[in-house]
Full PDB file with SEQRES, HELIX, SHEET, SSBOND, CRYST1, ORIGX, SCALE, CONECT and MASTER records, all heavy atoms in Angstrom:
SEQRES   1 A   42  LYS ASP ALA GLU GLU MET GLY LEU THR ASN GLY GLU ILE          
SEQRES   2 A   42  VAL SER VAL GLU ILE PRO THR SER ASN GLY ARG ASN LEU          
SEQRES   3 A   42  THR PHE GLY ASP VAL VAL VAL ARG VAL SER ASP SER TYR          
SEQRES   4 A   42  ALA LEU ALA                                                  
HELIX    1 AA1 ASP A    2  MET A    6  1                                   5    
SHEET    1 AA1 2 ILE A  13  ILE A  18  0                                        
SHEET    2 AA1 2 LEU A  26  VAL A  32 -1                                        
CRYST1    1.000    1.000    1.000  90.00  90.00  90.00 P 1           1          
ORIGX1      1.000000  0.000000  0.000000        0.00000                         
ORIGX2      0.000000  1.000000  0.000000        0.00000                         
ORIGX3      0.000000  0.000000  1.000000        0.00000                         
SCALE1      1.000000  0.000000  0.000000        0.00000                         
SCALE2      0.000000  1.000000  0.000000        0.00000                         
SCALE3      0.000000  0.000000  1.000000        0.00000                         
ATOM      1  N   LYS A   1      -8.819 -40.671-150.122  1.00  0.00           N  
ATOM      2  CA  LYS A   1      -8.297 -41.833-149.471  1.00  0.00           C  
ATOM      3  C   LYS A   1      -8.059 -43.003-150.363  1.00  0.00           C  
ATOM      4  O   LYS A   1      -6.967 -43.550-150.319  1.00  0.00           O  
ATOM      5  CB  LYS A   1      -9.290 -42.281-148.349  1.00  0.00           C  
ATOM      6  CG  LYS A   1      -8.705 -43.396-147.485  1.00  0.00           C  
ATOM      7  CD  LYS A   1      -9.733 -43.692-146.310  1.00  0.00           C  
ATOM      8  CE  LYS A   1      -9.282 -44.899-145.425  1.00  0.00           C  
ATOM      9  NZ  LYS A   1      -9.541 -46.147-145.954  1.00  0.00           N  
ATOM     10  N   ASP A   2      -8.929 -43.306-151.235  1.00  0.00           N  
ATOM     11  CA  ASP A   2      -8.775 -44.392-152.271  1.00  0.00           C  
ATOM     12  C   ASP A   2      -7.486 -44.050-153.249  1.00  0.00           C  
ATOM     13  O   ASP A   2      -6.674 -44.902-153.437  1.00  0.00           O  
ATOM     14  CB  ASP A   2     -10.003 -44.469-153.213  1.00  0.00           C  
ATOM     15  CG  ASP A   2     -11.209 -44.984-152.500  1.00  0.00           C  
ATOM     16  OD1 ASP A   2     -11.138 -45.765-151.563  1.00  0.00           O  
ATOM     17  OD2 ASP A   2     -12.350 -44.555-152.960  1.00  0.00           O  
ATOM     18  N   ALA A   3      -7.474 -42.841-153.624  1.00  0.00           N  
ATOM     19  CA  ALA A   3      -6.402 -42.465-154.490  1.00  0.00           C  
ATOM     20  C   ALA A   3      -5.077 -42.541-153.746  1.00  0.00           C  
ATOM     21  O   ALA A   3      -4.078 -43.153-154.322  1.00  0.00           O  
ATOM     22  CB  ALA A   3      -6.555 -40.997-155.029  1.00  0.00           C  
ATOM     23  N   GLU A   4      -4.959 -42.076-152.544  1.00  0.00           N  
ATOM     24  CA  GLU A   4      -3.761 -42.204-151.736  1.00  0.00           C  
ATOM     25  C   GLU A   4      -3.358 -43.691-151.578  1.00  0.00           C  
ATOM     26  O   GLU A   4      -2.212 -44.070-151.716  1.00  0.00           O  
ATOM     27  CB  GLU A   4      -3.892 -41.503-150.355  1.00  0.00           C  
ATOM     28  CG  GLU A   4      -3.898 -40.037-150.457  1.00  0.00           C  
ATOM     29  CD  GLU A   4      -4.215 -39.335-149.093  1.00  0.00           C  
ATOM     30  OE1 GLU A   4      -4.445 -40.163-148.122  1.00  0.00           O  
ATOM     31  OE2 GLU A   4      -4.189 -38.110-149.086  1.00  0.00           O  
ATOM     32  N   GLU A   5      -4.247 -44.495-151.178  1.00  0.00           N  
ATOM     33  CA  GLU A   5      -3.975 -46.010-150.997  1.00  0.00           C  
ATOM     34  C   GLU A   5      -3.504 -46.607-152.275  1.00  0.00           C  
ATOM     35  O   GLU A   5      -2.765 -47.571-152.235  1.00  0.00           O  
ATOM     36  CB  GLU A   5      -5.209 -46.666-150.475  1.00  0.00           C  
ATOM     37  CG  GLU A   5      -5.603 -46.313-149.145  1.00  0.00           C  
ATOM     38  CD  GLU A   5      -6.800 -46.993-148.605  1.00  0.00           C  
ATOM     39  OE1 GLU A   5      -7.499 -47.722-149.316  1.00  0.00           O  
ATOM     40  OE2 GLU A   5      -7.113 -46.769-147.312  1.00  0.00           O  
ATOM     41  N   MET A   6      -3.992 -46.154-153.459  1.00  0.00           N  
ATOM     42  CA  MET A   6      -3.560 -46.778-154.765  1.00  0.00           C  
ATOM     43  C   MET A   6      -2.435 -46.092-155.402  1.00  0.00           C  
ATOM     44  O   MET A   6      -1.895 -46.347-156.464  1.00  0.00           O  
ATOM     45  CB  MET A   6      -4.849 -46.779-155.758  1.00  0.00           C  
ATOM     46  CG  MET A   6      -5.998 -47.625-155.146  1.00  0.00           C  
ATOM     47  SD  MET A   6      -7.495 -47.501-156.146  1.00  0.00           S  
ATOM     48  CE  MET A   6      -6.985 -48.782-157.463  1.00  0.00           C  
ATOM     49  N   GLY A   7      -1.997 -44.899-154.666  1.00  0.00           N  
ATOM     50  CA  GLY A   7      -0.886 -44.208-155.299  1.00  0.00           C  
ATOM     51  C   GLY A   7      -1.252 -43.351-156.546  1.00  0.00           C  
ATOM     52  O   GLY A   7      -0.444 -43.160-157.410  1.00  0.00           O  
ATOM     53  N   LEU A   8      -2.455 -42.926-156.592  1.00  0.00           N  
ATOM     54  CA  LEU A   8      -2.962 -42.153-157.754  1.00  0.00           C  
ATOM     55  C   LEU A   8      -3.204 -40.752-157.417  1.00  0.00           C  
ATOM     56  O   LEU A   8      -3.469 -40.435-156.305  1.00  0.00           O  
ATOM     57  CB  LEU A   8      -4.402 -42.786-158.259  1.00  0.00           C  
ATOM     58  CG  LEU A   8      -4.301 -44.297-158.538  1.00  0.00           C  
ATOM     59  CD1 LEU A   8      -5.665 -44.858-158.929  1.00  0.00           C  
ATOM     60  CD2 LEU A   8      -3.349 -44.571-159.737  1.00  0.00           C  
ATOM     61  N   THR A   9      -3.261 -39.915-158.557  1.00  0.00           N  
ATOM     62  CA  THR A   9      -3.408 -38.488-158.348  1.00  0.00           C  
ATOM     63  C   THR A   9      -4.551 -38.101-159.336  1.00  0.00           C  
ATOM     64  O   THR A   9      -4.750 -38.695-160.373  1.00  0.00           O  
ATOM     65  CB  THR A   9      -2.114 -37.674-158.626  1.00  0.00           C  
ATOM     66  OG1 THR A   9      -1.641 -37.989-159.948  1.00  0.00           O  
ATOM     67  CG2 THR A   9      -1.038 -37.996-157.615  1.00  0.00           C  
ATOM     68  N   ASN A  10      -5.175 -36.957-159.042  1.00  0.00           N  
ATOM     69  CA  ASN A  10      -6.226 -36.416-159.859  1.00  0.00           C  
ATOM     70  C   ASN A  10      -5.578 -36.087-161.257  1.00  0.00           C  
ATOM     71  O   ASN A  10      -4.617 -35.383-161.294  1.00  0.00           O  
ATOM     72  CB  ASN A  10      -6.905 -35.180-159.228  1.00  0.00           C  
ATOM     73  CG  ASN A  10      -8.098 -34.734-160.003  1.00  0.00           C  
ATOM     74  OD1 ASN A  10      -9.079 -35.480-160.234  1.00  0.00           O  
ATOM     75  ND2 ASN A  10      -8.109 -33.422-160.388  1.00  0.00           N  
ATOM     76  N   GLY A  11      -6.322 -36.466-162.272  1.00  0.00           N  
ATOM     77  CA  GLY A  11      -5.822 -36.160-163.649  1.00  0.00           C  
ATOM     78  C   GLY A  11      -4.804 -37.187-164.166  1.00  0.00           C  
ATOM     79  O   GLY A  11      -4.467 -37.145-165.393  1.00  0.00           O  
ATOM     80  N   GLU A  12      -4.249 -38.039-163.318  1.00  0.00           N  
ATOM     81  CA  GLU A  12      -3.424 -39.001-163.845  1.00  0.00           C  
ATOM     82  C   GLU A  12      -3.935 -39.971-164.876  1.00  0.00           C  
ATOM     83  O   GLU A  12      -5.148 -40.252-164.773  1.00  0.00           O  
ATOM     84  CB  GLU A  12      -2.853 -39.811-162.678  1.00  0.00           C  
ATOM     85  CG  GLU A  12      -1.772 -40.873-162.918  1.00  0.00           C  
ATOM     86  CD  GLU A  12      -1.166 -41.585-161.769  1.00  0.00           C  
ATOM     87  OE1 GLU A  12      -1.626 -41.306-160.566  1.00  0.00           O  
ATOM     88  OE2 GLU A  12      -0.274 -42.367-161.841  1.00  0.00           O  
ATOM     89  N   ILE A  13      -3.142 -40.427-165.764  1.00  0.00           N  
ATOM     90  CA  ILE A  13      -3.598 -41.350-166.839  1.00  0.00           C  
ATOM     91  C   ILE A  13      -2.981 -42.719-166.503  1.00  0.00           C  
ATOM     92  O   ILE A  13      -1.746 -42.880-166.216  1.00  0.00           O  
ATOM     93  CB  ILE A  13      -3.200 -40.942-168.151  1.00  0.00           C  
ATOM     94  CG1 ILE A  13      -3.692 -39.519-168.522  1.00  0.00           C  
ATOM     95  CG2 ILE A  13      -3.689 -41.966-169.228  1.00  0.00           C  
ATOM     96  CD1 ILE A  13      -5.268 -39.425-168.542  1.00  0.00           C  
ATOM     97  N   VAL A  14      -3.832 -43.721-166.360  1.00  0.00           N  
ATOM     98  CA  VAL A  14      -3.390 -45.142-166.045  1.00  0.00           C  
ATOM     99  C   VAL A  14      -4.035 -46.165-166.981  1.00  0.00           C  
ATOM    100  O   VAL A  14      -4.845 -45.747-167.874  1.00  0.00           O  
ATOM    101  CB  VAL A  14      -3.928 -45.557-164.577  1.00  0.00           C  
ATOM    102  CG1 VAL A  14      -3.299 -44.573-163.539  1.00  0.00           C  
ATOM    103  CG2 VAL A  14      -5.385 -45.482-164.448  1.00  0.00           C  
ATOM    104  N   SER A  15      -3.649 -47.339-166.870  1.00  0.00           N  
ATOM    105  CA  SER A  15      -4.306 -48.440-167.608  1.00  0.00           C  
ATOM    106  C   SER A  15      -5.053 -49.344-166.677  1.00  0.00           C  
ATOM    107  O   SER A  15      -4.697 -49.349-165.460  1.00  0.00           O  
ATOM    108  CB  SER A  15      -3.241 -49.252-168.358  1.00  0.00           C  
ATOM    109  OG  SER A  15      -2.611 -48.546-169.351  1.00  0.00           O  
ATOM    110  N   VAL A  16      -6.010 -50.116-167.130  1.00  0.00           N  
ATOM    111  CA  VAL A  16      -6.770 -51.023-166.273  1.00  0.00           C  
ATOM    112  C   VAL A  16      -6.916 -52.370-167.028  1.00  0.00           C  
ATOM    113  O   VAL A  16      -7.462 -52.352-168.169  1.00  0.00           O  
ATOM    114  CB  VAL A  16      -8.098 -50.456-165.894  1.00  0.00           C  
ATOM    115  CG1 VAL A  16      -8.823 -51.454-165.080  1.00  0.00           C  
ATOM    116  CG2 VAL A  16      -7.956 -49.122-165.088  1.00  0.00           C  
ATOM    117  N   GLU A  17      -6.492 -53.402-166.469  1.00  0.00           N  
ATOM    118  CA  GLU A  17      -6.549 -54.751-167.070  1.00  0.00           C  
ATOM    119  C   GLU A  17      -7.872 -55.358-166.696  1.00  0.00           C  
ATOM    120  O   GLU A  17      -8.215 -55.269-165.510  1.00  0.00           O  
ATOM    121  CB  GLU A  17      -5.428 -55.652-166.616  1.00  0.00           C  
ATOM    122  CG  GLU A  17      -5.544 -56.990-167.272  1.00  0.00           C  
ATOM    123  CD  GLU A  17      -4.393 -57.917-166.741  1.00  0.00           C  
ATOM    124  OE1 GLU A  17      -3.610 -57.521-165.754  1.00  0.00           O  
ATOM    125  OE2 GLU A  17      -4.193 -58.980-167.296  1.00  0.00           O  
ATOM    126  N   ILE A  18      -8.573 -55.893-167.629  1.00  0.00           N  
ATOM    127  CA  ILE A  18      -9.939 -56.407-167.392  1.00  0.00           C  
ATOM    128  C   ILE A  18      -9.817 -57.923-167.670  1.00  0.00           C  
ATOM    129  O   ILE A  18      -9.680 -58.381-168.881  1.00  0.00           O  
ATOM    130  CB  ILE A  18     -11.038 -55.836-168.452  1.00  0.00           C  
ATOM    131  CG1 ILE A  18     -11.053 -54.367-168.335  1.00  0.00           C  
ATOM    132  CG2 ILE A  18     -12.313 -56.464-168.080  1.00  0.00           C  
ATOM    133  CD1 ILE A  18     -11.510 -53.741-166.990  1.00  0.00           C  
ATOM    134  N   PRO A  19      -9.816 -58.789-166.583  1.00  0.00           N  
ATOM    135  CA  PRO A  19      -9.704 -60.236-166.792  1.00  0.00           C  
ATOM    136  C   PRO A  19     -11.143 -60.810-167.174  1.00  0.00           C  
ATOM    137  O   PRO A  19     -12.119 -60.334-166.574  1.00  0.00           O  
ATOM    138  CB  PRO A  19      -9.387 -60.688-165.425  1.00  0.00           C  
ATOM    139  CG  PRO A  19      -9.891 -59.756-164.491  1.00  0.00           C  
ATOM    140  CD  PRO A  19      -9.854 -58.388-165.213  1.00  0.00           C  
ATOM    141  N   THR A  20     -11.153 -61.629-168.079  1.00  0.00           N  
ATOM    142  CA  THR A  20     -12.466 -62.277-168.437  1.00  0.00           C  
ATOM    143  C   THR A  20     -12.167 -63.766-168.559  1.00  0.00           C  
ATOM    144  O   THR A  20     -11.124 -64.152-168.861  1.00  0.00           O  
ATOM    145  CB  THR A  20     -13.074 -61.698-169.702  1.00  0.00           C  
ATOM    146  OG1 THR A  20     -12.125 -61.772-170.814  1.00  0.00           O  
ATOM    147  CG2 THR A  20     -13.437 -60.235-169.554  1.00  0.00           C  
ATOM    148  N   SER A  21     -13.236 -64.566-168.630  1.00  0.00           N  
ATOM    149  CA  SER A  21     -13.101 -65.994-168.732  1.00  0.00           C  
ATOM    150  C   SER A  21     -13.466 -66.427-170.202  1.00  0.00           C  
ATOM    151  O   SER A  21     -13.591 -67.570-170.434  1.00  0.00           O  
ATOM    152  CB  SER A  21     -13.852 -66.763-167.671  1.00  0.00           C  
ATOM    153  OG  SER A  21     -15.273 -66.283-167.868  1.00  0.00           O  
ATOM    154  N   ASN A  22     -13.761 -65.520-171.093  1.00  0.00           N  
ATOM    155  CA  ASN A  22     -14.117 -65.842-172.366  1.00  0.00           C  
ATOM    156  C   ASN A  22     -13.062 -65.648-173.474  1.00  0.00           C  
ATOM    157  O   ASN A  22     -13.467 -65.654-174.559  1.00  0.00           O  
ATOM    158  CB  ASN A  22     -15.433 -65.008-172.707  1.00  0.00           C  
ATOM    159  CG  ASN A  22     -15.098 -63.526-172.767  1.00  0.00           C  
ATOM    160  OD1 ASN A  22     -13.965 -63.141-172.750  1.00  0.00           O  
ATOM    161  ND2 ASN A  22     -16.127 -62.684-172.823  1.00  0.00           N  
ATOM    162  N   GLY A  23     -11.834 -65.417-172.989  1.00  0.00           N  
ATOM    163  CA  GLY A  23     -10.796 -65.276-174.128  1.00  0.00           C  
ATOM    164  C   GLY A  23     -10.663 -64.032-174.739  1.00  0.00           C  
ATOM    165  O   GLY A  23     -10.004 -63.756-175.797  1.00  0.00           O  
ATOM    166  N   ARG A  24     -11.319 -62.919-174.016  1.00  0.00           N  
ATOM    167  CA  ARG A  24     -11.238 -61.632-174.632  1.00  0.00           C  
ATOM    168  C   ARG A  24     -10.537 -60.567-173.572  1.00  0.00           C  
ATOM    169  O   ARG A  24     -11.067 -59.490-173.464  1.00  0.00           O  
ATOM    170  CB  ARG A  24     -12.583 -61.099-175.008  1.00  0.00           C  
ATOM    171  CG  ARG A  24     -13.198 -61.985-176.117  1.00  0.00           C  
ATOM    172  CD  ARG A  24     -14.405 -61.303-176.637  1.00  0.00           C  
ATOM    173  NE  ARG A  24     -13.955 -60.409-177.691  1.00  0.00           N  
ATOM    174  CZ  ARG A  24     -14.766 -59.574-178.412  1.00  0.00           C  
ATOM    175  NH1 ARG A  24     -16.058 -59.508-178.162  1.00  0.00           N  
ATOM    176  NH2 ARG A  24     -14.275 -58.802-179.327  1.00  0.00           N  
ATOM    177  N   ASN A  25      -9.594 -61.159-172.808  1.00  0.00           N  
ATOM    178  CA  ASN A  25      -8.926 -60.263-171.918  1.00  0.00           C  
ATOM    179  C   ASN A  25      -8.490 -58.992-172.598  1.00  0.00           C  
ATOM    180  O   ASN A  25      -8.079 -59.001-173.706  1.00  0.00           O  
ATOM    181  CB  ASN A  25      -7.720 -60.964-171.256  1.00  0.00           C  
ATOM    182  CG  ASN A  25      -8.101 -62.052-170.318  1.00  0.00           C  
ATOM    183  OD1 ASN A  25      -9.261 -62.436-170.277  1.00  0.00           O  
ATOM    184  ND2 ASN A  25      -7.204 -62.550-169.545  1.00  0.00           N  
ATOM    185  N   LEU A  26      -8.530 -57.920-171.940  1.00  0.00           N  
ATOM    186  CA  LEU A  26      -8.163 -56.526-172.551  1.00  0.00           C  
ATOM    187  C   LEU A  26      -7.706 -55.614-171.496  1.00  0.00           C  
ATOM    188  O   LEU A  26      -8.199 -55.592-170.337  1.00  0.00           O  
ATOM    189  CB  LEU A  26      -9.539 -55.947-173.111  1.00  0.00           C  
ATOM    190  CG  LEU A  26      -9.473 -54.682-173.885  1.00  0.00           C  
ATOM    191  CD1 LEU A  26      -8.656 -54.988-175.228  1.00  0.00           C  
ATOM    192  CD2 LEU A  26     -10.878 -54.336-174.257  1.00  0.00           C  
ATOM    193  N   THR A  27      -6.675 -54.857-171.898  1.00  0.00           N  
ATOM    194  CA  THR A  27      -6.173 -53.741-171.013  1.00  0.00           C  
ATOM    195  C   THR A  27      -6.556 -52.495-171.610  1.00  0.00           C  
ATOM    196  O   THR A  27      -6.195 -52.208-172.775  1.00  0.00           O  
ATOM    197  CB  THR A  27      -4.655 -53.913-170.761  1.00  0.00           C  
ATOM    198  OG1 THR A  27      -4.319 -55.138-170.217  1.00  0.00           O  
ATOM    199  CG2 THR A  27      -4.141 -52.750-169.970  1.00  0.00           C  
ATOM    200  N   PHE A  28      -7.309 -51.682-170.870  1.00  0.00           N  
ATOM    201  CA  PHE A  28      -7.669 -50.331-171.415  1.00  0.00           C  
ATOM    202  C   PHE A  28      -6.670 -49.316-170.966  1.00  0.00           C  
ATOM    203  O   PHE A  28      -6.233 -49.227-169.819  1.00  0.00           O  
ATOM    204  CB  PHE A  28      -9.035 -49.838-170.744  1.00  0.00           C  
ATOM    205  CG  PHE A  28     -10.218 -50.597-171.328  1.00  0.00           C  
ATOM    206  CD1 PHE A  28     -11.001 -51.462-170.448  1.00  0.00           C  
ATOM    207  CD2 PHE A  28     -10.652 -50.334-172.618  1.00  0.00           C  
ATOM    208  CE1 PHE A  28     -12.038 -52.117-170.952  1.00  0.00           C  
ATOM    209  CE2 PHE A  28     -11.736 -51.051-173.153  1.00  0.00           C  
ATOM    210  CZ  PHE A  28     -12.476 -51.905-172.258  1.00  0.00           C  
ATOM    211  N   GLY A  29      -6.121 -48.513-171.949  1.00  0.00           N  
ATOM    212  CA  GLY A  29      -5.257 -47.529-171.677  1.00  0.00           C  
ATOM    213  C   GLY A  29      -6.010 -46.138-171.671  1.00  0.00           C  
ATOM    214  O   GLY A  29      -7.240 -46.162-171.818  1.00  0.00           O  
ATOM    215  N   ASP A  30      -5.234 -45.088-171.359  1.00  0.00           N  
ATOM    216  CA  ASP A  30      -5.851 -43.820-171.367  1.00  0.00           C  
ATOM    217  C   ASP A  30      -7.096 -43.603-170.493  1.00  0.00           C  
ATOM    218  O   ASP A  30      -8.007 -43.021-170.750  1.00  0.00           O  
ATOM    219  CB  ASP A  30      -6.263 -43.316-172.789  1.00  0.00           C  
ATOM    220  CG  ASP A  30      -5.077 -43.316-173.811  1.00  0.00           C  
ATOM    221  OD1 ASP A  30      -4.041 -42.811-173.355  1.00  0.00           O  
ATOM    222  OD2 ASP A  30      -5.180 -43.783-174.904  1.00  0.00           O  
ATOM    223  N   VAL A  31      -6.949 -44.236-169.251  1.00  0.00           N  
ATOM    224  CA  VAL A  31      -7.997 -44.076-168.210  1.00  0.00           C  
ATOM    225  C   VAL A  31      -7.642 -42.943-167.297  1.00  0.00           C  
ATOM    226  O   VAL A  31      -6.607 -42.945-166.764  1.00  0.00           O  
ATOM    227  CB  VAL A  31      -8.146 -45.394-167.382  1.00  0.00           C  
ATOM    228  CG1 VAL A  31      -9.211 -45.183-166.384  1.00  0.00           C  
ATOM    229  CG2 VAL A  31      -8.328 -46.637-168.299  1.00  0.00           C  
ATOM    230  N   VAL A  32      -8.532 -41.884-167.312  1.00  0.00           N  
ATOM    231  CA  VAL A  32      -8.272 -40.718-166.482  1.00  0.00           C  
ATOM    232  C   VAL A  32      -8.719 -40.970-165.118  1.00  0.00           C  
ATOM    233  O   VAL A  32      -9.861 -41.458-164.903  1.00  0.00           O  
ATOM    234  CB  VAL A  32      -8.900 -39.505-167.083  1.00  0.00           C  
ATOM    235  CG1 VAL A  32     -10.313 -39.463-167.102  1.00  0.00           C  
ATOM    236  CG2 VAL A  32      -8.257 -38.216-166.351  1.00  0.00           C  
ATOM    237  N   VAL A  33      -7.940 -40.592-164.083  1.00  0.00           N  
ATOM    238  CA  VAL A  33      -8.299 -40.677-162.623  1.00  0.00           C  
ATOM    239  C   VAL A  33      -8.947 -39.417-162.231  1.00  0.00           C  
ATOM    240  O   VAL A  33      -8.300 -38.253-162.363  1.00  0.00           O  
ATOM    241  CB  VAL A  33      -7.119 -40.952-161.789  1.00  0.00           C  
ATOM    242  CG1 VAL A  33      -7.418 -40.954-160.356  1.00  0.00           C  
ATOM    243  CG2 VAL A  33      -6.352 -42.273-162.128  1.00  0.00           C  
ATOM    244  N   ARG A  34     -10.069 -39.468-161.670  1.00  0.00           N  
ATOM    245  CA  ARG A  34     -10.808 -38.245-161.144  1.00  0.00           C  
ATOM    246  C   ARG A  34     -10.943 -38.421-159.581  1.00  0.00           C  
ATOM    247  O   ARG A  34     -11.614 -39.353-159.215  1.00  0.00           O  
ATOM    248  CB  ARG A  34     -12.030 -38.049-161.840  1.00  0.00           C  
ATOM    249  CG  ARG A  34     -11.990 -37.843-163.300  1.00  0.00           C  
ATOM    250  CD  ARG A  34     -13.133 -37.986-164.122  1.00  0.00           C  
ATOM    251  NE  ARG A  34     -14.169 -37.119-163.695  1.00  0.00           N  
ATOM    252  CZ  ARG A  34     -15.461 -37.141-164.176  1.00  0.00           C  
ATOM    253  NH1 ARG A  34     -15.808 -38.043-165.117  1.00  0.00           N  
ATOM    254  NH2 ARG A  34     -16.318 -36.408-163.626  1.00  0.00           N  
ATOM    255  N   VAL A  35     -10.281 -37.488-158.904  1.00  0.00           N  
ATOM    256  CA  VAL A  35     -10.433 -37.651-157.416  1.00  0.00           C  
ATOM    257  C   VAL A  35     -11.254 -36.571-156.734  1.00  0.00           C  
ATOM    258  O   VAL A  35     -11.128 -35.362-157.063  1.00  0.00           O  
ATOM    259  CB  VAL A  35      -8.983 -37.476-156.744  1.00  0.00           C  
ATOM    260  CG1 VAL A  35      -9.000 -37.610-155.307  1.00  0.00           C  
ATOM    261  CG2 VAL A  35      -7.998 -38.580-157.388  1.00  0.00           C  
ATOM    262  N   SER A  36     -12.165 -37.002-155.954  1.00  0.00           N  
ATOM    263  CA  SER A  36     -13.105 -36.095-155.147  1.00  0.00           C  
ATOM    264  C   SER A  36     -13.662 -36.918-154.011  1.00  0.00           C  
ATOM    265  O   SER A  36     -14.006 -38.071-154.246  1.00  0.00           O  
ATOM    266  CB  SER A  36     -14.211 -35.594-156.005  1.00  0.00           C  
ATOM    267  OG  SER A  36     -15.202 -34.866-155.273  1.00  0.00           O  
ATOM    268  N   ASP A  37     -13.830 -36.265-152.902  1.00  0.00           N  
ATOM    269  CA  ASP A  37     -14.432 -36.946-151.804  1.00  0.00           C  
ATOM    270  C   ASP A  37     -15.897 -37.151-151.926  1.00  0.00           C  
ATOM    271  O   ASP A  37     -16.587 -37.736-151.100  1.00  0.00           O  
ATOM    272  CB  ASP A  37     -14.070 -36.329-150.478  1.00  0.00           C  
ATOM    273  CG  ASP A  37     -12.614 -36.491-150.099  1.00  0.00           C  
ATOM    274  OD1 ASP A  37     -12.074 -37.599-150.392  1.00  0.00           O  
ATOM    275  OD2 ASP A  37     -11.928 -35.585-149.437  1.00  0.00           O  
ATOM    276  N   SER A  38     -16.487 -36.590-152.981  1.00  0.00           N  
ATOM    277  CA  SER A  38     -17.920 -36.762-153.257  1.00  0.00           C  
ATOM    278  C   SER A  38     -18.086 -38.027-154.126  1.00  0.00           C  
ATOM    279  O   SER A  38     -19.272 -38.377-154.669  1.00  0.00           O  
ATOM    280  CB  SER A  38     -18.518 -35.608-154.056  1.00  0.00           C  
ATOM    281  OG  SER A  38     -17.910 -35.350-155.257  1.00  0.00           O  
ATOM    282  N   TYR A  39     -17.068 -38.770-154.464  1.00  0.00           N  
ATOM    283  CA  TYR A  39     -17.073 -40.007-155.351  1.00  0.00           C  
ATOM    284  C   TYR A  39     -17.113 -41.232-154.525  1.00  0.00           C  
ATOM    285  O   TYR A  39     -16.757 -41.126-153.352  1.00  0.00           O  
ATOM    286  CB  TYR A  39     -15.896 -40.002-156.360  1.00  0.00           C  
ATOM    287  CG  TYR A  39     -15.892 -38.975-157.371  1.00  0.00           C  
ATOM    288  CD1 TYR A  39     -14.638 -38.553-157.913  1.00  0.00           C  
ATOM    289  CD2 TYR A  39     -17.046 -38.362-157.902  1.00  0.00           C  
ATOM    290  CE1 TYR A  39     -14.599 -37.614-158.928  1.00  0.00           C  
ATOM    291  CE2 TYR A  39     -16.907 -37.308-158.893  1.00  0.00           C  
ATOM    292  CZ  TYR A  39     -15.754 -36.883-159.458  1.00  0.00           C  
ATOM    293  OH  TYR A  39     -15.704 -36.109-160.381  1.00  0.00           O  
ATOM    294  N   ALA A  40     -17.412 -42.364-155.211  1.00  0.00           N  
ATOM    295  CA  ALA A  40     -17.242 -43.642-154.669  1.00  0.00           C  
ATOM    296  C   ALA A  40     -16.258 -44.370-155.689  1.00  0.00           C  
ATOM    297  O   ALA A  40     -16.428 -44.139-156.883  1.00  0.00           O  
ATOM    298  CB  ALA A  40     -18.541 -44.464-154.556  1.00  0.00           C  
ATOM    299  N   LEU A  41     -15.427 -45.237-155.206  1.00  0.00           N  
ATOM    300  CA  LEU A  41     -14.431 -45.862-156.021  1.00  0.00           C  
ATOM    301  C   LEU A  41     -15.071 -46.770-157.082  1.00  0.00           C  
ATOM    302  O   LEU A  41     -15.753 -47.708-156.764  1.00  0.00           O  
ATOM    303  CB  LEU A  41     -13.431 -46.639-155.195  1.00  0.00           C  
ATOM    304  CG  LEU A  41     -12.270 -47.395-155.948  1.00  0.00           C  
ATOM    305  CD1 LEU A  41     -11.430 -46.315-156.686  1.00  0.00           C  
ATOM    306  CD2 LEU A  41     -11.463 -48.212-155.038  1.00  0.00           C  
ATOM    307  N   ALA A  42     -14.852 -46.392-158.367  1.00  0.00           N  
ATOM    308  CA  ALA A  42     -15.450 -47.224-159.460  1.00  0.00           C  
ATOM    309  C   ALA A  42     -14.854 -46.691-160.794  1.00  0.00           C  
ATOM    310  O   ALA A  42     -14.475 -45.533-160.950  1.00  0.00           O  
ATOM    311  CB  ALA A  42     -16.888 -47.085-159.641  1.00  0.00           C  
TER     312      ALA A  42                                                      
MASTER        0    0    0    1    2    0    0    6  311    1    0    4          
END                                                                             
């Protein structure tokens, strides 16, 4: 359900932007999506 709502598929590679208030904002690339109904979104 989470994957469908976010438009993601199992094994897909995405990036994730991490906002911080300390001047070290960073975007992580090469983030693999793992989909299973035994998971919680994190």
